[in-house]
C-alpha atoms as a PDB file:
ATOM      1  CA  MET A   1       0.000   0.000   0.000  1.00  0.00           C
ATOM      2  CA  LYS A   2       2.825   2.366   0.894  1.00  0.00           C
ATOM      3  CA  LEU A   3       4.518   1.525  -2.409  1.00  0.00           C
ATOM      4  CA  ILE A   4       1.350   2.379  -4.358  1.00  0.00           C
ATOM      5  CA  LYS A   5       1.054   5.747  -2.564  1.00  0.00           C
ATOM      6  CA  LYS A   6       4.695   6.548  -3.412  1.00  0.00           C
ATOM      7  CA  ILE A   7       4.135   5.680  -7.079  1.00  0.00           C
ATOM      8  CA  LEU A   8       0.980   7.875  -7.225  1.00  0.00           C
ATOM      9  CA  LEU A   9       2.702  10.825  -5.542  1.00  0.00           C
ATOM     10  CA  GLY A  10       5.661  10.466  -7.905  1.00  0.00           C
ATOM     11  CA  SER A  11       3.365  10.464 -10.913  1.00  0.00           C
ATOM     12  CA  LEU A  12       1.558  13.577  -9.681  1.00  0.00           C
ATOM     13  CA  PHE A  13       4.879  15.366  -9.092  1.00  0.00           C
ATOM     14  CA  ILE A  14       6.161  14.513 -12.580  1.00  0.00           C
ATOM     15  CA  GLY A  15       2.853  15.584 -14.152  1.00  0.00           C
ATOM     16  CA  PHE A  16       2.862  18.891 -12.286  1.00  0.00           C
ATOM     17  CA  TYR A  17       6.489  19.522 -13.305  1.00  0.00           C
ATOM     18  CA  PHE A  18       5.778  19.104 -17.022  1.00  0.00           C
ATOM     19  CA  PHE A  19       2.554  21.121 -16.731  1.00  0.00           C
ATOM     20  CA  SER A  20       4.464  24.009 -15.083  1.00  0.00           C
ATOM     21  CA  LEU A  21       7.232  23.801 -17.680  1.00  0.00           C
ATOM     22  CA  ASN A  22       4.716  23.948 -20.534  1.00  0.00           C
ATOM     23  CA  ALA A  23       2.883  26.887 -18.915  1.00  0.00           C
ATOM     24  CA  MET A  24       6.141  28.824 -18.546  1.00  0.00           C
ATOM     25  CA  GLU A  25       6.951  28.245 -22.222  1.00  0.00           C
ATOM     26  CA  ASN A  26       3.484  29.524 -23.219  1.00  0.00           C
ATOM     27  CA  ILE A  27       3.897  32.665 -21.094  1.00  0.00           C
ATOM     28  CA  GLU A  28       7.368  33.306 -22.541  1.00  0.00           C
ATOM     29  CA  SER A  29       6.017  32.791 -26.062  1.00  0.00           C
ATOM     30  CA  THR A  30       3.131  35.231 -25.416  1.00  0.00           C
ATOM     31  CA  GLN A  31       5.542  37.830 -24.061  1.00  0.00           C
ATOM     32  CA  LYS A  32       7.706  37.499 -27.169  1.00  0.00           C
ATOM     33  CA  VAL A  33       4.698  37.909 -29.457  1.00  0.00           C
ATOM     34  CA  GLY A  34       3.500  40.927 -27.445  1.00  0.00           C
ATOM     35  CA  SER A  35       6.984  42.450 -27.608  1.00  0.00           C
ATOM     36  CA  ALA A  36       7.135  41.889 -31.358  1.00  0.00           C
ATOM     37  CA  GLU A  37       3.687  43.459 -31.793  1.00  0.00           C
ATOM     38  CA  THR A  38       4.782  46.484 -29.776  1.00  0.00           C
ATOM     39  CA  LYS A  39       7.900  46.894 -31.894  1.00  0.00           C
ATOM     40  CA  ILE A  40       5.902  46.629 -35.105  1.00  0.00           C
ATOM     41  CA  SER A  41       3.378  49.168 -33.806  1.00  0.00           C
ATOM     42  CA  GLU A  42       6.129  51.603 -32.827  1.00  0.00           C
ATOM     43  CA  LYS A  43       7.844  51.108 -36.173  1.00  0.00           C
ATOM     44  CA  ASN A  44       4.627  51.841 -38.065  1.00  0.00           C
ATOM     45  CA  PHE A  45       4.024  54.940 -35.960  1.00  0.00           C
ATOM     46  CA  LYS A  46       7.535  56.229 -36.616  1.00  0.00           C
ATOM     47  CA  ASN A  47       7.091  55.707 -40.354  1.00  0.00           C
ATOM     48  CA  GLU A  48       3.971  57.899 -40.509  1.00  0.00           C
ATOM     49  CA  LYS A  49       4.605  61.146 -42.354  1.00  0.00           C
ATOM     50  CA  LYS A  50       4.186  64.375 -40.413  1.00  0.00           C
ATOM     51  CA  GLU A  51       2.364  66.721 -42.792  1.00  0.00           C
ATOM     52  CA  ILE A  52       0.807  70.184 -42.639  1.00  0.00           C
ATOM     53  CA  VAL A  53      -0.918  72.614 -45.005  1.00  0.00           C
ATOM     54  CA  VAL A  54       0.199  76.258 -45.077  1.00  0.00           C
ATOM     55  CA  LEU A  55      -1.863  78.894 -46.886  1.00  0.00           C
ATOM     56  CA  TYR A  56       1.058  80.537 -48.611  1.00  0.00           C
ATOM     57  CA  SER A  57       1.108  83.922 -50.349  1.00  0.00           C
ATOM     58  CA  GLY A  58       4.868  84.507 -50.489  1.00  0.00           C
ATOM     59  CA  GLY A  59       4.520  87.313 -47.943  1.00  0.00           C
ATOM     60  CA  LEU A  60       6.496  87.630 -44.732  1.00  0.00           C
ATOM     61  CA  ASP A  61       3.949  86.069 -42.372  1.00  0.00           C
ATOM     62  CA  SER A  62       3.257  82.923 -44.391  1.00  0.00           C
ATOM     63  CA  SER A  63       7.007  82.561 -45.104  1.00  0.00           C
ATOM     64  CA  ALA A  64       7.694  82.708 -41.358  1.00  0.00           C
ATOM     65  CA  LEU A  65       5.205  79.865 -40.869  1.00  0.00           C
ATOM     66  CA  VAL A  66       7.084  77.787 -43.430  1.00  0.00           C
ATOM     67  CA  GLY A  67      10.278  78.366 -41.435  1.00  0.00           C
ATOM     68  CA  MET A  68       8.564  77.298 -38.222  1.00  0.00           C
ATOM     69  CA  CYS A  69       7.298  74.098 -39.878  1.00  0.00           C
ATOM     70  CA  GLY A  70      10.706  73.290 -41.365  1.00  0.00           C
ATOM     71  CA  ALA A  71      12.419  73.822 -38.010  1.00  0.00           C
ATOM     72  CA  ARG A  72       9.901  71.470 -36.345  1.00  0.00           C
ATOM     73  CA  LYS A  73      10.949  68.777 -38.808  1.00  0.00           C
ATOM     74  CA  TYR A  74       7.689  68.282 -40.639  1.00  0.00           C
ATOM     75  CA  ASP A  75       8.229  65.619 -43.292  1.00  0.00           C
ATOM     76  CA  ILE A  76       6.008  67.326 -45.855  1.00  0.00           C
ATOM     77  CA  VAL A  77       4.833  70.948 -45.932  1.00  0.00           C
ATOM     78  CA  HIS A  78       2.093  71.658 -48.469  1.00  0.00           C
ATOM     79  CA  LEU A  79       2.104  75.292 -49.605  1.00  0.00           C
ATOM     80  CA  LEU A  80      -1.195  76.395 -51.140  1.00  0.00           C
ATOM     81  CA  THR A  81      -1.377  79.608 -53.164  1.00  0.00           C
ATOM     82  CA  PHE A  82      -4.746  80.620 -54.599  1.00  0.00           C
ATOM     83  CA  ASP A  83      -5.736  82.274 -57.867  1.00  0.00           C
ATOM     84  CA  ASN A  84      -8.971  84.273 -57.694  1.00  0.00           C
ATOM     85  CA  GLY A  85      -8.618  85.621 -61.246  1.00  0.00           C
ATOM     86  CA  ALA A  86      -7.870  89.172 -60.101  1.00  0.00           C
ATOM     87  CA  GLN A  87      -4.243  88.768 -59.006  1.00  0.00           C
ATOM     88  CA  TYR A  88      -1.091  89.548 -60.907  1.00  0.00           C
ATOM     89  CA  ASN A  89       2.494  88.356 -60.396  1.00  0.00           C
ATOM     90  CA  LEU A  90       1.045  85.146 -58.937  1.00  0.00           C
ATOM     91  CA  GLU A  91       4.039  83.096 -60.105  1.00  0.00           C
ATOM     92  CA  MET A  92       6.256  85.127 -57.763  1.00  0.00           C
ATOM     93  CA  SER A  93       5.011  82.934 -54.923  1.00  0.00           C
ATOM     94  CA  LYS A  94       7.311  80.165 -56.242  1.00  0.00           C
ATOM     95  CA  ILE A  95      10.524  82.164 -55.857  1.00  0.00           C
ATOM     96  CA  LYS A  96      11.225  81.241 -52.220  1.00  0.00           C
ATOM     97  CA  LEU A  97      10.819  77.485 -52.725  1.00  0.00           C
ATOM     98  CA  ASP A  98      14.507  76.941 -53.498  1.00  0.00           C
ATOM     99  CA  GLU A  99      15.424  78.797 -50.316  1.00  0.00           C
ATOM    100  CA  PHE A 100      13.089  76.651 -48.197  1.00  0.00           C
ATOM    101  CA  ARG A 101      14.538  73.473 -49.683  1.00  0.00           C
ATOM    102  CA  ARG A 102      18.110  74.638 -49.117  1.00  0.00           C
ATOM    103  CA  VAL A 103      17.550  75.669 -45.479  1.00  0.00           C
ATOM    104  CA  PHE A 104      15.432  72.616 -44.605  1.00  0.00           C
ATOM    105  CA  PRO A 105      16.774  69.785 -46.808  1.00  0.00           C
ATOM    106  CA  LYS A 106      15.012  67.034 -44.815  1.00  0.00           C
ATOM    107  CA  THR A 107      11.568  68.528 -45.435  1.00  0.00           C
ATOM    108  CA  THR A 108       9.659  68.042 -48.678  1.00  0.00           C
ATOM    109  CA  PHE A 109       7.913  71.204 -49.870  1.00  0.00           C
ATOM    110  CA  ILE A 110       4.974  70.785 -52.236  1.00  0.00           C
ATOM    111  CA  HIS A 111       3.674  74.015 -53.778  1.00  0.00           C
ATOM    112  CA  LYS A 112       0.294  74.229 -55.506  1.00  0.00           C
ATOM    113  CA  ILE A 113      -1.418  77.163 -57.192  1.00  0.00           C
ATOM    114  CA  ILE A 114      -5.159  76.455 -56.987  1.00  0.00           C
ATOM    115  CA  SER A 115      -7.837  78.320 -58.901  1.00  0.00           C
ATOM    116  CA  VAL A 116     -10.745  79.501 -56.754  1.00  0.00           C
ATOM    117  CA  ARG A 117     -12.322  81.608 -59.504  1.00  0.00           C
ATOM    118  CA  TYR A 118     -15.603  79.707 -59.753  1.00  0.00           C
ATOM    119  CA  LEU A 119     -16.323  79.635 -56.020  1.00  0.00           C
ATOM    120  CA  PHE A 120     -15.138  83.238 -55.556  1.00  0.00           C
ATOM    121  CA  LYS A 121     -17.677  84.299 -58.168  1.00  0.00           C
ATOM    122  CA  GLU A 122     -20.421  82.203 -56.555  1.00  0.00           C
ATOM    123  CA  ILE A 123     -19.796  83.605 -53.073  1.00  0.00           C
ATOM    124  CA  SER A 124     -18.741  87.199 -53.720  1.00  0.00           C
ATOM    125  CA  LEU A 125     -19.833  88.424 -57.135  1.00  0.00           C
ATOM    126  CA  ILE A 126     -23.239  86.971 -58.008  1.00  0.00           C
ATOM    127  CA  ASP A 127     -24.994  88.798 -55.130  1.00  0.00           C
ATOM    128  CA  ILE A 128     -22.631  91.766 -54.920  1.00  0.00           C
ATOM    129  CA  GLU A 129     -25.307  94.437 -55.382  1.00  0.00           C
ATOM    130  CA  GLU A 130     -27.563  93.042 -52.654  1.00  0.00           C
ATOM    131  CA  ASP A 131     -24.582  92.473 -50.356  1.00  0.00           C
ATOM    132  CA  ILE A 132     -23.352  96.056 -50.624  1.00  0.00           C
ATOM    133  CA  LEU A 133     -26.841  97.381 -49.915  1.00  0.00           C
ATOM    134  CA  GLN A 134     -27.163  95.122 -46.869  1.00  0.00           C
ATOM    135  CA  TYR A 135     -23.694  95.470 -45.331  1.00  0.00           C
ATOM    136  CA  LYS A 136     -22.933  99.038 -46.476  1.00  0.00           C
ATOM    137  CA  THR A 137     -19.410  98.068 -47.500  1.00  0.00           C
ATOM    138  CA  ASN A 138     -17.508  95.868 -49.916  1.00  0.00           C
ATOM    139  CA  LEU A 139     -16.916  92.409 -48.413  1.00  0.00           C
ATOM    140  CA  LEU A 140     -15.439  90.868 -51.563  1.00  0.00           C
ATOM    141  CA  CYS A 141     -12.232  89.962 -49.754  1.00  0.00           C
ATOM    142  CA  VAL A 142     -14.162  88.014 -47.118  1.00  0.00           C
ATOM    143  CA  GLY A 143     -15.881  85.965 -49.803  1.00  0.00           C
ATOM    144  CA  CYS A 144     -12.587  85.501 -51.617  1.00  0.00           C
ATOM    145  CA  LYS A 145     -10.896  84.178 -48.483  1.00  0.00           C
ATOM    146  CA  MET A 146     -13.879  81.907 -47.807  1.00  0.00           C
ATOM    147  CA  SER A 147     -13.359  80.326 -51.233  1.00  0.00           C
ATOM    148  CA  MET A 148      -9.660  79.827 -50.472  1.00  0.00           C
ATOM    149  CA  HIS A 149     -10.402  78.159 -47.150  1.00  0.00           C
ATOM    150  CA  ALA A 150     -13.006  75.933 -48.821  1.00  0.00           C
ATOM    151  CA  PHE A 151     -10.344  74.644 -51.194  1.00  0.00           C
ATOM    152  CA  ALA A 152      -7.908  74.247 -48.297  1.00  0.00           C
ATOM    153  CA  VAL A 153     -10.475  71.980 -46.598  1.00  0.00           C
ATOM    154  CA  ILE A 154     -10.846  69.974 -49.812  1.00  0.00           C
ATOM    155  CA  TYR A 155      -7.079  69.655 -50.241  1.00  0.00           C
ATOM    156  CA  ALA A 156      -6.617  68.551 -46.625  1.00  0.00           C
ATOM    157  CA  LYS A 157      -9.379  65.925 -46.861  1.00  0.00           C
ATOM    158  CA  GLU A 158      -8.149  64.535 -50.177  1.00  0.00           C
ATOM    159  CA  ASN A 159      -4.599  64.223 -48.832  1.00  0.00           C
ATOM    160  CA  ASN A 160      -5.489  62.962 -45.326  1.00  0.00           C
ATOM    161  CA  ILE A 161      -3.984  65.985 -43.574  1.00  0.00           C
ATOM    162  CA  ASN A 162      -5.656  67.175 -40.377  1.00  0.00           C
ATOM    163  CA  ILE A 163      -4.180  70.664 -39.864  1.00  0.00           C
ATOM    164  CA  VAL A 164      -4.215  73.870 -41.923  1.00  0.00           C
ATOM    165  CA  ILE A 165      -2.491  77.088 -40.856  1.00  0.00           C
ATOM    166  CA  ASP A 166      -2.268  80.623 -42.223  1.00  0.00           C
ATOM    167  CA  GLY A 167      -0.302  83.797 -41.527  1.00  0.00           C
ATOM    168  CA  PHE A 168      -3.115  86.029 -40.293  1.00  0.00           C
ATOM    169  CA  VAL A 169      -1.958  88.530 -37.650  1.00  0.00           C
ATOM    170  CA  LYS A 170      -3.963  90.805 -35.360  1.00  0.00           C
ATOM    171  CA  ARG A 171      -1.992  93.900 -36.364  1.00  0.00           C
ATOM    172  CA  GLN A 172      -3.691  93.614 -39.761  1.00  0.00           C
ATOM    173  CA  ASN A 173      -7.231  93.147 -38.494  1.00  0.00           C
ATOM    174  CA  HIS A 174      -8.334  96.261 -40.376  1.00  0.00           C
ATOM    175  CA  PHE A 175      -8.530  93.792 -43.272  1.00  0.00           C
ATOM    176  CA  PRO A 176     -11.928  92.104 -42.757  1.00  0.00           C
ATOM    177  CA  GLU A 177     -10.538  88.615 -43.470  1.00  0.00           C
ATOM    178  CA  GLN A 178      -8.052  89.023 -40.605  1.00  0.00           C
ATOM    179  CA  ASP A 179     -10.622  90.167 -38.078  1.00  0.00           C
ATOM    180  CA  GLN A 180     -11.105  87.754 -35.171  1.00  0.00           C
ATOM    181  CA  SER A 181     -14.749  87.306 -36.166  1.00  0.00           C
ATOM    182  CA  PHE A 182     -13.666  85.936 -39.556  1.00  0.00           C
ATOM    183  CA  ILE A 183     -11.242  83.470 -37.973  1.00  0.00           C
ATOM    184  CA  ASP A 184     -13.874  82.252 -35.489  1.00  0.00           C
ATOM    185  CA  GLU A 185     -16.428  81.633 -38.232  1.00  0.00           C
ATOM    186  CA  ILE A 186     -13.956  79.936 -40.588  1.00  0.00           C
ATOM    187  CA  LYS A 187     -12.902  77.556 -37.816  1.00  0.00           C
ATOM    188  CA  LYS A 188     -16.467  76.253 -37.762  1.00  0.00           C
ATOM    189  CA  ILE A 189     -16.209  75.291 -41.426  1.00  0.00           C
ATOM    190  CA  TYR A 190     -12.990  73.360 -40.807  1.00  0.00           C
ATOM    191  CA  LYS A 191     -14.466  71.715 -37.714  1.00  0.00           C
ATOM    192  CA  LYS A 192     -17.401  70.381 -39.738  1.00  0.00           C
ATOM    193  CA  TYR A 193     -14.871  68.406 -41.830  1.00  0.00           C
ATOM    194  CA  ASN A 194     -12.674  67.369 -38.864  1.00  0.00           C
ATOM    195  CA  VAL A 195      -9.765  69.566 -39.885  1.00  0.00           C
ATOM    196  CA  VAL A 196      -7.951  71.834 -37.422  1.00  0.00           C
ATOM    197  CA  TYR A 197      -7.418  75.437 -38.538  1.00  0.00           C
ATOM    198  CA  LYS A 198      -4.991  77.782 -36.770  1.00  0.00           C
ATOM    199  CA  SER A 199      -3.394  81.200 -37.170  1.00  0.00           C
ATOM    200  CA  PRO A 200      -0.255  80.654 -35.040  1.00  0.00           C
ATOM    201  CA  LEU A 201       1.164  84.165 -35.479  1.00  0.00           C
ATOM    202  CA  TYR A 202      -2.040  86.067 -34.710  1.00  0.00           C
ATOM    203  CA  PHE A 203      -1.013  87.350 -31.278  1.00  0.00           C
ATOM    204  CA  ILE A 204       2.750  86.847 -31.640  1.00  0.00           C
ATOM    205  CA  VAL A 205       3.518  89.273 -34.454  1.00  0.00           C
ATOM    206  CA  GLN A 206       2.826  92.734 -33.061  1.00  0.00           C
ATOM    207  CA  GLU A 207       5.018  94.650 -35.491  1.00  0.00           C
ATOM    208  CA  LYS A 208       6.709  93.988 -38.823  1.00  0.00           C
ATOM    209  CA  LYS A 209      10.063  93.588 -37.066  1.00  0.00           C
ATOM    210  CA  ASP A 210       8.649  90.625 -35.117  1.00  0.00           C
ATOM    211  CA  VAL A 211       8.020  88.567 -38.236  1.00  0.00           C
ATOM    212  CA  LYS A 212      11.388  89.611 -39.664  1.00  0.00           C
ATOM    213  CA  ASN A 213      13.042  88.331 -36.488  1.00  0.00           C
ATOM    214  CA  ILE A 214      11.363  84.948 -36.968  1.00  0.00           C
ATOM    215  CA  LEU A 215      12.554  84.786 -40.583  1.00  0.00           C
ATOM    216  CA  SER A 216      16.111  85.772 -39.606  1.00  0.00           C
ATOM    217  CA  ARG A 217      16.134  83.112 -36.883  1.00  0.00           C
ATOM    218  CA  TYR A 218      15.574  80.462 -39.563  1.00  0.00           C
ATOM    219  CA  ASN A 219      18.023  82.035 -42.059  1.00  0.00           C
ATOM    220  CA  LEU A 220      15.215  82.994 -44.444  1.00  0.00           C
ATOM    221  CA  SER A 221      14.865  86.113 -46.587  1.00  0.00           C
ATOM    222  CA  THR A 222      13.063  89.058 -44.986  1.00  0.00           C
ATOM    223  CA  LYS A 223      11.788  90.321 -48.341  1.00  0.00           C
ATOM    224  CA  SER A 224       8.119  89.903 -49.232  1.00  0.00           C
ATOM    225  CA  ILE A 225       7.323  88.317 -52.579  1.00  0.00           C
ATOM    226  CA  GLU A 226       3.559  88.510 -52.615  1.00  0.00           C
ATOM    227  CA  PRO A 227       1.133  88.725 -55.553  1.00  0.00           C
ATOM    228  CA  GLU A 228      -1.106  91.790 -55.670  1.00  0.00           C
ATOM    229  CA  CYS A 229      -4.858  91.773 -56.127  1.00  0.00           C
ATOM    230  CA  LEU A 230      -6.935  94.261 -58.113  1.00  0.00           C
ATOM    231  CA  PHE A 231      -9.404  94.397 -55.216  1.00  0.00           C
ATOM    232  CA  GLY A 232      -6.729  95.329 -52.659  1.00  0.00           C
ATOM    233  CA  ASN A 233      -7.434  98.543 -50.693  1.00  0.00           C
ATOM    234  CA  THR A 234     -10.749  99.093 -52.474  1.00  0.00           C
ATOM    235  CA  PHE A 235     -13.002  98.784 -49.441  1.00  0.00           C
ATOM    236  CA  SER A 236     -13.879 100.592 -46.237  1.00  0.00           C
ATOM    237  CA  THR A 237     -13.489  98.894 -42.861  1.00  0.00           C
ATOM    238  CA  SER A 238     -16.400  96.661 -41.878  1.00  0.00           C
ATOM    239  CA  THR A 239     -17.678  95.701 -38.439  1.00  0.00           C
ATOM    240  CA  SER A 240     -17.159  92.301 -36.832  1.00  0.00           C
ATOM    241  CA  LYS A 241     -20.934  91.891 -36.642  1.00  0.00           C
ATOM    242  CA  ASN A 242     -21.330  92.350 -40.408  1.00  0.00           C
ATOM    243  CA  ILE A 243     -18.404  90.044 -41.153  1.00  0.00           C
ATOM    244  CA  ARG A 244     -20.066  87.285 -39.114  1.00  0.00           C
ATOM    245  CA  LYS A 245     -23.436  87.846 -40.781  1.00  0.00           C
ATOM    246  CA  TYR A 246     -21.870  87.812 -44.233  1.00  0.00           C
ATOM    247  CA  ILE A 247     -19.990  84.536 -43.633  1.00  0.00           C
ATOM    248  CA  ARG A 248     -23.050  82.855 -42.142  1.00  0.00           C
ATOM    249  CA  SER A 249     -25.130  83.895 -45.148  1.00  0.00           C
ATOM    250  CA  LYS A 250     -22.570  82.280 -47.491  1.00  0.00           C
ATOM    251  CA  ARG A 251     -21.862  79.179 -45.423  1.00  0.00           C
ATOM    252  CA  LYS A 252     -24.595  76.976 -46.889  1.00  0.00           C
ATOM    253  CA  LYS A 253     -23.301  77.626 -50.406  1.00  0.00           C
ATOM    254  CA  THR A 254     -19.741  76.891 -49.241  1.00  0.00           C
ATOM    255  CA  TYR A 255     -20.726  73.588 -47.599  1.00  0.00           C
ATOM    256  CA  LYS A 256     -22.615  72.531 -50.708  1.00  0.00           C
ATOM    257  CA  PHE A 257     -19.563  73.177 -52.881  1.00  0.00           C
ATOM    258  CA  ILE A 258     -17.176  71.288 -50.561  1.00  0.00           C
ATOM    259  CA  ASP A 259     -19.535  68.320 -50.217  1.00  0.00           C
ATOM    260  CA  GLU A 260     -20.089  68.020 -53.966  1.00  0.00           C
ATOM    261  CA  PHE A 261     -16.379  68.346 -54.711  1.00  0.00           C
ATOM    262  CA  LEU A 262     -15.423  65.656 -52.185  1.00  0.00           C
ATOM    263  CA  LYS A 263     -18.199  63.396 -53.470  1.00  0.00           C
ATOM    264  CA  GLU A 264     -16.851  63.713 -57.002  1.00  0.00           C
ATOM    265  CA  SER A 265     -13.399  62.775 -55.711  1.00  0.00           C
ATOM    266  CA  THR A 266     -14.710  59.460 -54.378  1.00  0.00           C
ATOM    267  CA  LEU A 267     -16.147  58.596 -57.799  1.00  0.00           C
ATOM    268  CA  LEU A 268     -12.649  58.613 -59.263  1.00  0.00           C
ATOM    269  CA  ILE A 269     -11.114  56.218 -56.749  1.00  0.00           C
END
């Protein structure tokens, strides 16, 4: 009887030993798989491209933004310049590209000139007589900028980019499109399409020397190379209230255009 008990206990001990050994191997194997998965995940994350859209005119403020993006090691900076049909010397916006590429060789700069003529006409020109009677001033530039931002939204969505920035500054808020009310309303349009819109220099650049200091810090030219528009300086200053009302009255038309454009894009995929 004692011999049988010893044999049974020995069998149980051996069984438990092999069970424990097998369990340890399974745990070690799981840990290795988990470690491998973590490494793969980190590798994939590191390989994602860091991209941003800059509304680029060739002026000092938008050029300073390009310098800031290059210094922050963005992989790809998309520079969007817009053609409303009333600008001249538009090609001058390309001049600084070589400088950006020389100063920030690890960043890819993609420059696009995008026509906004159709939407600019739809927003600003078709109802111009009624708009002037209602708002008592010329808000063409607000409608023009709305058309530019609409195309910036489209570009960002089509290229899977989630942030758009521009060089608006508070010191120039006598221009209706740089008034805080304009920025607040335009942000709502971007938010509808899950794109972040920012004006990083708005409160930073108090004087012209401030933006020149930023450019000098990044070894960039402090000369402005900006196209001129026939509508420039052809308006009186508007109120923030009227700017908001104007944008809200044009928003439905803007949404319709963006939605239809993006829908058409999906048909081509």
